[in-house]
Amino acid sequence: MRIVIFASGSGSNAELLFRWAAETHDFSVQAVFCNRAEAGVLSRCSNWGIPSVVFDKNQMEQGGLQEQLMEFKPDLIVLAGFLWKFPSPLLEAMQGKVINLHPALLPNYGGKGMYGMHVHRAVCASTDTHSGITIHWVNPAYDEGTFLLQCSCPIPASRNPEELAHAIQGLEHYWLPRAVAFLAKAGLE
C-alpha cells in the first residue's frame, strides 16, 4: 500500500511511519505534503530521503494540489498533525481513503480550532477523567468521520496540559503506524 502523509508540524508521527515502512515493508511512504515551509517534518523527510511538497492555501483550495498528489499514486492519505480542513475535491479524488489522527476522544474536543495544546487545555479544564486519541476516516466535516480506532489514557492528576500532551503523544506514536499497517494488511488498496 502506498501512502502520502499530510503534516503541518514537527513530524514525529510522520517519522514513525517512515521507520515502520522501512522496517516492516507493510506499506510505503511516497511523499509528505506540508502547508508550512518552516515545519520540522520537512527536515525529517530530507533525513529519510522522502519526497516533500510544500503548498499554500491557494493551491489547496483551487485544485492545483490534486495533480501533484496523484503523481504519487496514493492508496491512502494519512493526516498526521495536518491543521487545515482537508478539501472535498481531494477527498473525492481519493474515494474517501483518507484517515486523520486526532488528539482526543471524539466526538468531544473536535472541530475547527481543536488541535494540539488547544485540545489538551480544554480537556484538562473539564471534569473528564480520561482523554486519548481517535484515528478516523475523514469526511467533509471536521472530525466527524467514522472511527477506525480509539484509545484512552487517564488525565494526569495535576491536570497539566503538557503532561497530558506527552501521554497522548505516546498513544499516537504507538497506534498510528499500527493502524496504517492494519489497513494495508486488510487490503485497503
C-alpha atoms as a PDB file:
ATOM      1  CA  MET A   1       0.000   0.000   0.000  1.00  0.00           C
ATOM      2  CA  ARG A   2       1.289   3.438  -0.993  1.00  0.00           C
ATOM      3  CA  ILE A   3       0.640   6.253   1.477  1.00  0.00           C
ATOM      4  CA  VAL A   4       1.044  10.013   1.350  1.00  0.00           C
ATOM      5  CA  ILE A   5       1.219  11.937   4.620  1.00  0.00           C
ATOM      6  CA  PHE A   6      -0.117  15.451   5.165  1.00  0.00           C
ATOM      7  CA  ALA A   7       1.553  17.232   8.107  1.00  0.00           C
ATOM      8  CA  SER A   8       1.956  20.762   9.441  1.00  0.00           C
ATOM      9  CA  GLY A   9       4.359  20.445  12.379  1.00  0.00           C
ATOM     10  CA  SER A  10       7.424  18.700  13.724  1.00  0.00           C
ATOM     11  CA  GLY A  11       6.650  15.386  12.035  1.00  0.00           C
ATOM     12  CA  SER A  12       7.260  12.927  14.879  1.00  0.00           C
ATOM     13  CA  ASN A  13       4.296  10.801  13.750  1.00  0.00           C
ATOM     14  CA  ALA A  14       5.401  11.010  10.117  1.00  0.00           C
ATOM     15  CA  GLU A  15       8.880   9.832  11.070  1.00  0.00           C
ATOM     16  CA  LEU A  16       7.420   6.848  12.902  1.00  0.00           C
ATOM     17  CA  LEU A  17       5.565   5.948   9.713  1.00  0.00           C
ATOM     18  CA  PHE A  18       8.845   6.269   7.753  1.00  0.00           C
ATOM     19  CA  ARG A  19      10.572   3.947  10.219  1.00  0.00           C
ATOM     20  CA  TRP A  20       7.718   1.412  10.289  1.00  0.00           C
ATOM     21  CA  ALA A  21       7.646   1.292   6.485  1.00  0.00           C
ATOM     22  CA  ALA A  22      11.424   0.782   6.297  1.00  0.00           C
ATOM     23  CA  GLU A  23      11.473  -1.934   8.947  1.00  0.00           C
ATOM     24  CA  THR A  24       8.323  -3.916   8.100  1.00  0.00           C
ATOM     25  CA  HIS A  25       7.519  -3.123   4.457  1.00  0.00           C
ATOM     26  CA  ASP A  26       3.816  -3.201   5.448  1.00  0.00           C
ATOM     27  CA  PHE A  27       3.331  -0.009   3.411  1.00  0.00           C
ATOM     28  CA  SER A  28       5.475   2.556   1.642  1.00  0.00           C
ATOM     29  CA  VAL A  29       5.573   6.303   2.234  1.00  0.00           C
ATOM     30  CA  GLN A  30       5.546   8.016  -1.144  1.00  0.00           C
ATOM     31  CA  ALA A  31       5.677  11.652  -0.029  1.00  0.00           C
ATOM     32  CA  VAL A  32       4.813  14.205   2.611  1.00  0.00           C
ATOM     33  CA  PHE A  33       2.683  17.222   1.754  1.00  0.00           C
ATOM     34  CA  CYS A  34       3.160  20.165   4.102  1.00  0.00           C
ATOM     35  CA  ASN A  35       1.489  23.563   4.374  1.00  0.00           C
ATOM     36  CA  ARG A  36       4.310  25.261   6.320  1.00  0.00           C
ATOM     37  CA  ALA A  37       7.727  25.877   4.744  1.00  0.00           C
ATOM     38  CA  GLU A  38       9.346  26.058   8.223  1.00  0.00           C
ATOM     39  CA  ALA A  39       7.803  22.830   9.574  1.00  0.00           C
ATOM     40  CA  GLY A  40      10.159  20.317  11.196  1.00  0.00           C
ATOM     41  CA  VAL A  41       8.619  17.464   9.212  1.00  0.00           C
ATOM     42  CA  LEU A  42      10.495  18.713   6.127  1.00  0.00           C
ATOM     43  CA  SER A  43      13.885  18.091   7.793  1.00  0.00           C
ATOM     44  CA  ARG A  44      12.731  14.607   8.740  1.00  0.00           C
ATOM     45  CA  CYS A  45      11.745  13.979   5.116  1.00  0.00           C
ATOM     46  CA  SER A  46      15.177  15.105   3.969  1.00  0.00           C
ATOM     47  CA  ASN A  47      16.904  12.828   6.505  1.00  0.00           C
ATOM     48  CA  TRP A  48      14.900   9.809   5.312  1.00  0.00           C
ATOM     49  CA  GLY A  49      15.006  10.638   1.588  1.00  0.00           C
ATOM     50  CA  ILE A  50      11.210  11.037   1.455  1.00  0.00           C
ATOM     51  CA  PRO A  51       9.935  13.482  -1.181  1.00  0.00           C
ATOM     52  CA  SER A  52       8.131  16.519   0.219  1.00  0.00           C
ATOM     53  CA  VAL A  53       5.773  19.033  -1.327  1.00  0.00           C
ATOM     54  CA  VAL A  54       5.162  22.422   0.290  1.00  0.00           C
ATOM     55  CA  PHE A  55       1.932  24.136  -0.688  1.00  0.00           C
ATOM     56  CA  ASP A  56      -0.217  27.095   0.283  1.00  0.00           C
ATOM     57  CA  LYS A  57      -3.929  27.687   0.837  1.00  0.00           C
ATOM     58  CA  ASN A  58      -4.493  28.851  -2.759  1.00  0.00           C
ATOM     59  CA  GLN A  59      -3.009  25.680  -4.230  1.00  0.00           C
ATOM     60  CA  MET A  60      -5.150  23.553  -1.950  1.00  0.00           C
ATOM     61  CA  GLU A  61      -8.402  25.455  -2.475  1.00  0.00           C
ATOM     62  CA  GLN A  62      -8.077  25.987  -6.216  1.00  0.00           C
ATOM     63  CA  GLY A  63      -7.244  22.420  -7.169  1.00  0.00           C
ATOM     64  CA  GLY A  64      -3.577  22.759  -8.060  1.00  0.00           C
ATOM     65  CA  LEU A  65      -2.654  20.236  -5.419  1.00  0.00           C
ATOM     66  CA  GLN A  66      -4.643  17.313  -6.778  1.00  0.00           C
ATOM     67  CA  GLU A  67      -2.456  16.780  -9.833  1.00  0.00           C
ATOM     68  CA  GLN A  68       0.714  16.804  -7.703  1.00  0.00           C
ATOM     69  CA  LEU A  69      -0.841  14.402  -5.203  1.00  0.00           C
ATOM     70  CA  MET A  70      -1.991  11.926  -7.835  1.00  0.00           C
ATOM     71  CA  GLU A  71       1.536  11.730  -9.292  1.00  0.00           C
ATOM     72  CA  PHE A  72       2.406   9.689  -6.169  1.00  0.00           C
ATOM     73  CA  LYS A  73      -0.492   7.240  -6.786  1.00  0.00           C
ATOM     74  CA  PRO A  74      -1.509   7.004  -3.112  1.00  0.00           C
ATOM     75  CA  ASP A  75      -3.777   4.224  -1.862  1.00  0.00           C
ATOM     76  CA  LEU A  76      -4.246   6.084   1.421  1.00  0.00           C
ATOM     77  CA  ILE A  77      -3.656   9.599   2.749  1.00  0.00           C
ATOM     78  CA  VAL A  78      -2.714   9.937   6.411  1.00  0.00           C
ATOM     79  CA  LEU A  79      -3.323  13.280   8.105  1.00  0.00           C
ATOM     80  CA  ALA A  80      -0.732  13.302  10.889  1.00  0.00           C
ATOM     81  CA  GLY A  81      -0.813  16.702  12.551  1.00  0.00           C
ATOM     82  CA  PHE A  82      -2.257  18.437   9.496  1.00  0.00           C
ATOM     83  CA  LEU A  83      -4.027  21.572  10.713  1.00  0.00           C
ATOM     84  CA  TRP A  84      -6.225  22.562   7.779  1.00  0.00           C
ATOM     85  CA  LYS A  85      -9.562  21.114   6.792  1.00  0.00           C
ATOM     86  CA  PHE A  86      -8.980  18.531   4.083  1.00  0.00           C
ATOM     87  CA  PRO A  87     -10.631  19.754   0.852  1.00  0.00           C
ATOM     88  CA  SER A  88     -13.629  17.864  -0.515  1.00  0.00           C
ATOM     89  CA  PRO A  89     -12.245  17.589  -4.095  1.00  0.00           C
ATOM     90  CA  LEU A  90      -9.157  15.751  -2.794  1.00  0.00           C
ATOM     91  CA  LEU A  91     -11.346  13.581  -0.583  1.00  0.00           C
ATOM     92  CA  GLU A  92     -13.480  12.690  -3.604  1.00  0.00           C
ATOM     93  CA  ALA A  93     -10.394  12.010  -5.745  1.00  0.00           C
ATOM     94  CA  MET A  94      -9.180   9.592  -3.062  1.00  0.00           C
ATOM     95  CA  GLN A  95     -12.624   7.940  -2.872  1.00  0.00           C
ATOM     96  CA  GLY A  96     -12.669   8.610   0.859  1.00  0.00           C
ATOM     97  CA  LYS A  97      -9.398   6.798   1.573  1.00  0.00           C
ATOM     98  CA  VAL A  98      -8.133   9.452   3.982  1.00  0.00           C
ATOM     99  CA  ILE A  99      -7.582   8.985   7.721  1.00  0.00           C
ATOM    100  CA  ASN A 100      -6.873  11.540  10.442  1.00  0.00           C
ATOM    101  CA  LEU A 101      -5.175  11.291  13.813  1.00  0.00           C
ATOM    102  CA  HIS A 102      -6.946  13.447  16.427  1.00  0.00           C
ATOM    103  CA  PRO A 103      -5.512  14.009  19.957  1.00  0.00           C
ATOM    104  CA  ALA A 104      -8.784  13.487  21.862  1.00  0.00           C
ATOM    105  CA  LEU A 105     -11.646  11.065  22.245  1.00  0.00           C
ATOM    106  CA  LEU A 106     -14.043  12.270  19.587  1.00  0.00           C
ATOM    107  CA  PRO A 107     -16.781  13.362  19.320  1.00  0.00           C
ATOM    108  CA  ASN A 108     -15.621  15.537  22.240  1.00  0.00           C
ATOM    109  CA  TYR A 109     -12.945  18.179  21.651  1.00  0.00           C
ATOM    110  CA  GLY A 110     -13.169  18.079  17.871  1.00  0.00           C
ATOM    111  CA  GLY A 111     -13.916  20.629  15.198  1.00  0.00           C
ATOM    112  CA  LYS A 112     -12.365  23.826  13.930  1.00  0.00           C
ATOM    113  CA  GLY A 113      -9.604  25.165  16.172  1.00  0.00           C
ATOM    114  CA  MET A 114      -9.363  21.986  18.237  1.00  0.00           C
ATOM    115  CA  TYR A 115      -5.823  20.739  17.717  1.00  0.00           C
ATOM    116  CA  GLY A 116      -2.672  20.226  19.768  1.00  0.00           C
ATOM    117  CA  MET A 117      -2.463  22.147  23.019  1.00  0.00           C
ATOM    118  CA  HIS A 118      -5.885  23.739  22.433  1.00  0.00           C
ATOM    119  CA  VAL A 119      -7.372  20.261  22.852  1.00  0.00           C
ATOM    120  CA  HIS A 120      -5.238  19.369  25.875  1.00  0.00           C
ATOM    121  CA  ARG A 121      -6.055  22.629  27.670  1.00  0.00           C
ATOM    122  CA  ALA A 122      -9.784  22.108  27.080  1.00  0.00           C
ATOM    123  CA  VAL A 123      -9.619  18.509  28.294  1.00  0.00           C
ATOM    124  CA  CYS A 124      -7.675  19.467  31.435  1.00  0.00           C
ATOM    125  CA  ALA A 125     -10.158  22.261  32.190  1.00  0.00           C
ATOM    126  CA  SER A 126     -13.043  19.779  32.020  1.00  0.00           C
ATOM    127  CA  THR A 127     -14.216  17.259  34.602  1.00  0.00           C
ATOM    128  CA  ASP A 128     -13.286  14.340  32.323  1.00  0.00           C
ATOM    129  CA  THR A 129     -11.137  11.618  33.844  1.00  0.00           C
ATOM    130  CA  HIS A 130      -9.730  10.269  30.558  1.00  0.00           C
ATOM    131  CA  SER A 131      -8.514  11.571  27.229  1.00  0.00           C
ATOM    132  CA  GLY A 132      -6.984   9.734  24.320  1.00  0.00           C
ATOM    133  CA  ILE A 133      -6.683   9.568  20.565  1.00  0.00           C
ATOM    134  CA  THR A 134      -9.065   8.906  17.731  1.00  0.00           C
ATOM    135  CA  ILE A 135      -7.997   7.686  14.308  1.00  0.00           C
ATOM    136  CA  HIS A 136     -10.920   8.211  11.977  1.00  0.00           C
ATOM    137  CA  TRP A 137     -11.922   8.280   8.338  1.00  0.00           C
ATOM    138  CA  VAL A 138     -12.096  11.810   7.012  1.00  0.00           C
ATOM    139  CA  ASN A 139     -15.352  13.160   5.616  1.00  0.00           C
ATOM    140  CA  PRO A 140     -16.256  16.721   4.531  1.00  0.00           C
ATOM    141  CA  ALA A 141     -16.915  17.855   8.148  1.00  0.00           C
ATOM    142  CA  TYR A 142     -14.212  18.488  10.784  1.00  0.00           C
ATOM    143  CA  ASP A 143     -13.541  15.389  12.929  1.00  0.00           C
ATOM    144  CA  GLU A 144     -16.870  13.704  12.170  1.00  0.00           C
ATOM    145  CA  GLY A 145     -15.812  10.682  10.111  1.00  0.00           C
ATOM    146  CA  THR A 146     -16.309   7.083  11.198  1.00  0.00           C
ATOM    147  CA  PHE A 147     -13.872   5.957  13.880  1.00  0.00           C
ATOM    148  CA  LEU A 148     -11.203   3.447  12.954  1.00  0.00           C
ATOM    149  CA  LEU A 149      -9.618   3.305  16.420  1.00  0.00           C
ATOM    150  CA  GLN A 150      -9.860   5.000  19.811  1.00  0.00           C
ATOM    151  CA  CYS A 151      -7.513   4.519  22.730  1.00  0.00           C
ATOM    152  CA  SER A 152      -7.653   6.281  26.086  1.00  0.00           C
ATOM    153  CA  CYS A 153      -5.403   7.208  28.968  1.00  0.00           C
ATOM    154  CA  PRO A 154      -6.117   8.817  32.355  1.00  0.00           C
ATOM    155  CA  ILE A 155      -5.786  12.572  32.609  1.00  0.00           C
ATOM    156  CA  PRO A 156      -2.842  13.351  34.934  1.00  0.00           C
ATOM    157  CA  ALA A 157      -3.902  14.211  38.482  1.00  0.00           C
ATOM    158  CA  SER A 158      -2.120  17.571  38.072  1.00  0.00           C
ATOM    159  CA  ARG A 159      -4.478  18.378  35.140  1.00  0.00           C
ATOM    160  CA  ASN A 160      -1.359  19.766  33.449  1.00  0.00           C
ATOM    161  CA  PRO A 161      -1.886  20.094  29.655  1.00  0.00           C
ATOM    162  CA  GLU A 162       1.812  19.492  28.903  1.00  0.00           C
ATOM    163  CA  GLU A 163       1.781  16.211  30.851  1.00  0.00           C
ATOM    164  CA  LEU A 164      -1.386  15.172  29.050  1.00  0.00           C
ATOM    165  CA  ALA A 165       0.176  16.087  25.691  1.00  0.00           C
ATOM    166  CA  HIS A 166       3.121  13.805  26.482  1.00  0.00           C
ATOM    167  CA  ALA A 167       0.798  10.895  27.321  1.00  0.00           C
ATOM    168  CA  ILE A 168      -1.273  11.479  24.186  1.00  0.00           C
ATOM    169  CA  GLN A 169       1.836  11.586  22.015  1.00  0.00           C
ATOM    170  CA  GLY A 170       2.815   8.181  23.377  1.00  0.00           C
ATOM    171  CA  LEU A 171      -0.545   6.799  22.259  1.00  0.00           C
ATOM    172  CA  GLU A 172      -0.176   8.437  18.840  1.00  0.00           C
ATOM    173  CA  HIS A 173       3.311   7.028  18.328  1.00  0.00           C
ATOM    174  CA  TYR A 174       2.197   3.536  19.268  1.00  0.00           C
ATOM    175  CA  TRP A 175      -1.130   3.342  17.448  1.00  0.00           C
ATOM    176  CA  LEU A 176      -0.783   5.349  14.214  1.00  0.00           C
ATOM    177  CA  PRO A 177       1.718   3.070  12.447  1.00  0.00           C
ATOM    178  CA  ARG A 178      -0.199   0.004  13.624  1.00  0.00           C
ATOM    179  CA  ALA A 179      -3.487   1.393  12.290  1.00  0.00           C
ATOM    180  CA  VAL A 180      -1.914   2.105   8.889  1.00  0.00           C
ATOM    181  CA  ALA A 181      -0.330  -1.375   8.849  1.00  0.00           C
ATOM    182  CA  PHE A 182      -3.712  -2.882   9.715  1.00  0.00           C
ATOM    183  CA  LEU A 183      -5.337  -1.108   6.763  1.00  0.00           C
ATOM    184  CA  ALA A 184      -2.527  -2.274   4.478  1.00  0.00           C
ATOM    185  CA  LYS A 185      -2.863  -5.889   5.607  1.00  0.00           C
ATOM    186  CA  ALA A 186      -6.655  -5.717   5.372  1.00  0.00           C
ATOM    187  CA  GLY A 187      -6.251  -4.932   1.688  1.00  0.00           C
ATOM    188  CA  LEU A 188      -7.421  -1.343   1.596  1.00  0.00           C
ATOM    189  CA  GLU A 189      -5.845  -0.927  -1.841  1.00  0.00           C
END
